[in-house]
């Protein structure tokens, strides 16, 4: 079973500042991760700041993002590597 990463309210996440974890560049575990996957991760982690500010938090204290498929596709098609 895969472990799911959960962002908890009130915790500090350095990747929210720059959007991309340094591990994506230094850890061999992520060597085969595509640039597009890294970009999507960045979009979602940066969106966590908005989630915290808007109170998008479930009963367990997990933050979540609200991103329509249409908005995500617009953002991605302009920036993803083809």
N, C-alpha and C. Protein backbone atom coordinates (compact mmCIF):
# COMPACT_ATOMS: atom_id res chain seq x y z
N UNK A 1 0.84 -1.18 0.00
CA UNK A 1 0.00 0.00 0.00
C UNK A 1 0.89 1.25 0.00
N UNK A 2 0.57 2.21 -0.85
CA UNK A 2 1.31 3.46 -0.92
C UNK A 2 0.97 4.35 0.26
N UNK A 3 1.97 5.06 0.75
CA UNK A 3 1.74 6.04 1.80
C UNK A 3 1.32 7.34 1.13
N UNK A 4 0.24 7.93 1.60
CA UNK A 4 -0.21 9.19 1.04
C UNK A 4 0.38 10.34 1.84
N UNK A 5 0.87 11.34 1.11
CA UNK A 5 1.37 12.55 1.74
C UNK A 5 0.18 13.41 2.12
N UNK A 6 0.14 13.82 3.35
CA UNK A 6 -0.94 14.69 3.82
C UNK A 6 -0.33 15.99 4.32
N UNK A 7 -0.92 17.08 3.94
CA UNK A 7 -0.50 18.39 4.41
C UNK A 7 -1.42 18.77 5.56
N UNK A 8 -0.85 18.99 6.72
CA UNK A 8 -1.63 19.31 7.91
C UNK A 8 -1.62 20.81 8.17
N UNK A 9 -2.75 21.29 8.63
CA UNK A 9 -2.90 22.70 8.99
C UNK A 9 -1.89 23.05 10.08
N UNK A 10 -1.27 24.22 9.94
CA UNK A 10 -0.38 24.73 10.97
C UNK A 10 1.05 24.24 10.88
N UNK A 11 1.33 23.28 10.01
CA UNK A 11 2.71 22.81 9.85
C UNK A 11 3.39 23.63 8.77
N UNK A 12 4.71 23.75 8.88
CA UNK A 12 5.48 24.51 7.91
C UNK A 12 5.98 23.58 6.82
N UNK A 13 5.75 23.93 5.58
CA UNK A 13 6.20 23.15 4.44
C UNK A 13 7.07 24.03 3.56
N UNK A 14 8.40 23.83 3.60
CA UNK A 14 9.30 24.67 2.80
C UNK A 14 8.96 24.69 1.32
N UNK A 15 8.44 23.57 0.79
CA UNK A 15 8.13 23.53 -0.63
C UNK A 15 7.00 24.48 -1.00
N UNK A 16 6.23 24.95 -0.01
CA UNK A 16 5.19 25.92 -0.31
C UNK A 16 5.81 27.26 -0.70
N UNK A 17 7.05 27.49 -0.30
CA UNK A 17 7.71 28.76 -0.62
C UNK A 17 8.23 28.76 -2.06
N UNK A 18 8.85 27.66 -2.47
CA UNK A 18 9.41 27.63 -3.82
C UNK A 18 8.71 26.63 -4.72
N UNK A 19 7.85 25.79 -4.14
CA UNK A 19 7.03 24.90 -4.94
C UNK A 19 7.63 23.57 -5.32
N UNK A 20 8.94 23.41 -5.17
CA UNK A 20 9.55 22.17 -5.63
C UNK A 20 10.54 21.65 -4.61
N UNK A 21 10.40 20.39 -4.27
CA UNK A 21 11.30 19.80 -3.30
C UNK A 21 12.68 19.58 -3.91
N UNK A 22 13.70 19.87 -3.13
CA UNK A 22 15.07 19.65 -3.58
C UNK A 22 15.32 18.18 -3.87
N UNK A 23 14.61 17.31 -3.17
CA UNK A 23 14.80 15.87 -3.35
C UNK A 23 14.55 15.45 -4.80
N UNK A 24 13.70 16.16 -5.51
CA UNK A 24 13.43 15.81 -6.90
C UNK A 24 14.69 15.89 -7.76
N UNK A 25 15.67 16.66 -7.32
CA UNK A 25 16.90 16.83 -8.08
C UNK A 25 18.07 16.04 -7.50
N UNK A 26 18.00 15.70 -6.21
CA UNK A 26 19.15 15.08 -5.55
C UNK A 26 18.94 13.62 -5.16
N UNK A 27 17.71 13.17 -5.06
CA UNK A 27 17.43 11.81 -4.61
C UNK A 27 17.24 10.90 -5.83
N UNK A 28 18.04 9.84 -5.94
CA UNK A 28 17.92 8.93 -7.08
C UNK A 28 16.52 8.30 -7.22
N UNK A 29 15.78 8.27 -6.13
CA UNK A 29 14.42 7.72 -6.15
C UNK A 29 13.55 8.44 -7.18
N UNK A 30 13.81 9.72 -7.42
CA UNK A 30 12.99 10.52 -8.33
C UNK A 30 13.62 10.72 -9.71
N UNK A 31 14.69 10.00 -9.98
CA UNK A 31 15.43 10.16 -11.24
C UNK A 31 14.52 10.01 -12.46
N UNK A 32 13.61 9.05 -12.41
CA UNK A 32 12.74 8.79 -13.56
C UNK A 32 11.45 9.59 -13.56
N UNK A 33 11.27 10.46 -12.58
CA UNK A 33 10.06 11.29 -12.53
C UNK A 33 10.13 12.33 -13.64
N UNK A 34 9.06 12.43 -14.39
CA UNK A 34 9.05 13.35 -15.52
C UNK A 34 9.02 14.81 -15.05
N UNK A 35 9.45 15.67 -15.93
CA UNK A 35 9.41 17.11 -15.65
C UNK A 35 7.96 17.54 -15.43
N UNK A 36 7.05 16.96 -16.20
CA UNK A 36 5.64 17.30 -16.06
C UNK A 36 5.10 16.91 -14.69
N UNK A 37 5.48 15.76 -14.20
CA UNK A 37 5.04 15.33 -12.87
C UNK A 37 5.59 16.26 -11.80
N UNK A 38 6.83 16.68 -11.95
CA UNK A 38 7.43 17.62 -10.99
C UNK A 38 6.69 18.95 -11.03
N UNK A 39 6.33 19.40 -12.22
CA UNK A 39 5.60 20.65 -12.38
C UNK A 39 4.22 20.58 -11.72
N UNK A 40 3.52 19.47 -11.91
CA UNK A 40 2.21 19.31 -11.28
C UNK A 40 2.33 19.30 -9.76
N UNK A 41 3.36 18.65 -9.24
CA UNK A 41 3.58 18.65 -7.80
C UNK A 41 3.77 20.10 -7.31
N UNK A 42 4.54 20.87 -8.05
CA UNK A 42 4.78 22.27 -7.69
C UNK A 42 3.47 23.06 -7.67
N UNK A 43 2.65 22.88 -8.68
CA UNK A 43 1.36 23.59 -8.74
C UNK A 43 0.53 23.27 -7.50
N UNK A 44 0.45 21.99 -7.17
CA UNK A 44 -0.38 21.57 -6.05
C UNK A 44 0.17 22.06 -4.71
N UNK A 45 1.48 22.00 -4.51
CA UNK A 45 2.02 22.44 -3.22
C UNK A 45 1.91 23.95 -3.05
N UNK A 46 2.09 24.69 -4.12
CA UNK A 46 1.91 26.14 -4.02
C UNK A 46 0.45 26.48 -3.72
N UNK A 47 -0.45 25.66 -4.21
CA UNK A 47 -1.88 25.88 -3.97
C UNK A 47 -2.24 25.63 -2.49
N UNK A 48 -1.39 24.90 -1.77
CA UNK A 48 -1.66 24.63 -0.35
C UNK A 48 -1.68 25.92 0.47
N UNK A 49 -0.91 26.91 0.08
CA UNK A 49 -0.94 28.20 0.78
C UNK A 49 -2.35 28.78 0.70
N UNK A 50 -2.95 28.72 -0.47
CA UNK A 50 -4.31 29.22 -0.64
C UNK A 50 -5.29 28.39 0.19
N UNK A 51 -5.07 27.08 0.23
CA UNK A 51 -5.95 26.21 1.01
C UNK A 51 -5.94 26.60 2.47
N UNK A 52 -4.75 26.86 3.00
CA UNK A 52 -4.65 27.24 4.40
C UNK A 52 -5.31 28.59 4.65
N UNK A 53 -5.09 29.54 3.75
CA UNK A 53 -5.67 30.87 3.91
C UNK A 53 -7.20 30.86 3.81
N UNK A 54 -7.73 29.96 3.00
CA UNK A 54 -9.19 29.92 2.79
C UNK A 54 -9.89 28.91 3.68
N UNK A 55 -9.11 28.19 4.49
CA UNK A 55 -9.72 27.25 5.42
C UNK A 55 -10.20 25.96 4.79
N UNK A 56 -9.54 25.56 3.68
CA UNK A 56 -9.92 24.31 3.02
C UNK A 56 -9.24 23.16 3.76
N UNK A 57 -9.82 22.80 4.88
CA UNK A 57 -9.23 21.81 5.78
C UNK A 57 -10.34 20.87 6.23
N UNK A 58 -10.07 19.56 6.19
CA UNK A 58 -11.10 18.60 6.59
C UNK A 58 -11.13 18.43 8.11
N UNK A 59 -12.00 17.59 8.59
CA UNK A 59 -12.19 17.39 10.03
C UNK A 59 -10.96 16.80 10.72
N UNK A 60 -10.06 16.16 9.95
CA UNK A 60 -8.84 15.58 10.51
C UNK A 60 -7.66 16.55 10.46
N UNK A 61 -7.89 17.77 9.98
CA UNK A 61 -6.82 18.77 9.89
C UNK A 61 -6.00 18.67 8.61
N UNK A 62 -6.43 17.84 7.66
CA UNK A 62 -5.73 17.73 6.38
C UNK A 62 -6.18 18.85 5.45
N UNK A 63 -5.22 19.56 4.89
CA UNK A 63 -5.55 20.59 3.91
C UNK A 63 -5.82 19.92 2.57
N UNK A 64 -6.70 20.52 1.80
CA UNK A 64 -6.97 20.01 0.46
C UNK A 64 -7.03 21.19 -0.49
N UNK A 65 -6.89 20.89 -1.77
CA UNK A 65 -6.93 21.95 -2.78
C UNK A 65 -8.21 21.83 -3.58
N UNK A 66 -8.62 22.95 -4.10
CA UNK A 66 -9.74 22.99 -5.02
C UNK A 66 -9.19 23.53 -6.34
N UNK A 67 -9.24 22.70 -7.34
CA UNK A 67 -8.70 23.06 -8.65
C UNK A 67 -9.57 22.37 -9.68
N UNK A 68 -10.29 23.11 -10.48
CA UNK A 68 -11.12 22.47 -11.49
C UNK A 68 -10.22 21.85 -12.56
N UNK A 69 -10.71 20.80 -13.19
CA UNK A 69 -9.95 20.16 -14.26
C UNK A 69 -9.63 21.18 -15.36
N UNK A 70 -10.60 22.02 -15.65
CA UNK A 70 -10.42 23.02 -16.72
C UNK A 70 -9.30 24.00 -16.37
N UNK A 71 -9.30 24.53 -15.15
CA UNK A 71 -8.26 25.47 -14.75
C UNK A 71 -6.88 24.81 -14.73
N UNK A 72 -6.83 23.58 -14.26
CA UNK A 72 -5.56 22.86 -14.22
C UNK A 72 -5.05 22.61 -15.63
N UNK A 73 -5.92 22.23 -16.53
CA UNK A 73 -5.51 21.98 -17.91
C UNK A 73 -5.01 23.26 -18.58
N UNK A 74 -5.66 24.38 -18.31
CA UNK A 74 -5.20 25.65 -18.88
C UNK A 74 -3.79 25.97 -18.40
N UNK A 75 -3.57 25.79 -17.11
CA UNK A 75 -2.27 26.08 -16.53
C UNK A 75 -1.21 25.13 -17.08
N UNK A 76 -1.57 23.88 -17.19
CA UNK A 76 -0.61 22.86 -17.62
C UNK A 76 -0.27 22.94 -19.10
N UNK A 77 -1.26 23.13 -19.95
CA UNK A 77 -0.98 23.14 -21.38
C UNK A 77 -0.08 24.31 -21.77
N UNK A 78 -0.09 25.35 -20.99
CA UNK A 78 0.77 26.49 -21.27
C UNK A 78 2.21 26.26 -20.82
N UNK A 79 2.42 25.30 -19.88
CA UNK A 79 3.75 25.17 -19.29
C UNK A 79 4.39 23.79 -19.33
N UNK A 80 3.64 22.76 -19.62
CA UNK A 80 4.22 21.42 -19.61
C UNK A 80 5.13 21.19 -20.80
N UNK A 81 6.09 20.32 -20.60
CA UNK A 81 7.04 19.97 -21.65
C UNK A 81 6.40 18.93 -22.55
N UNK A 82 6.40 19.15 -23.84
CA UNK A 82 5.79 18.20 -24.81
C UNK A 82 6.85 17.38 -25.48
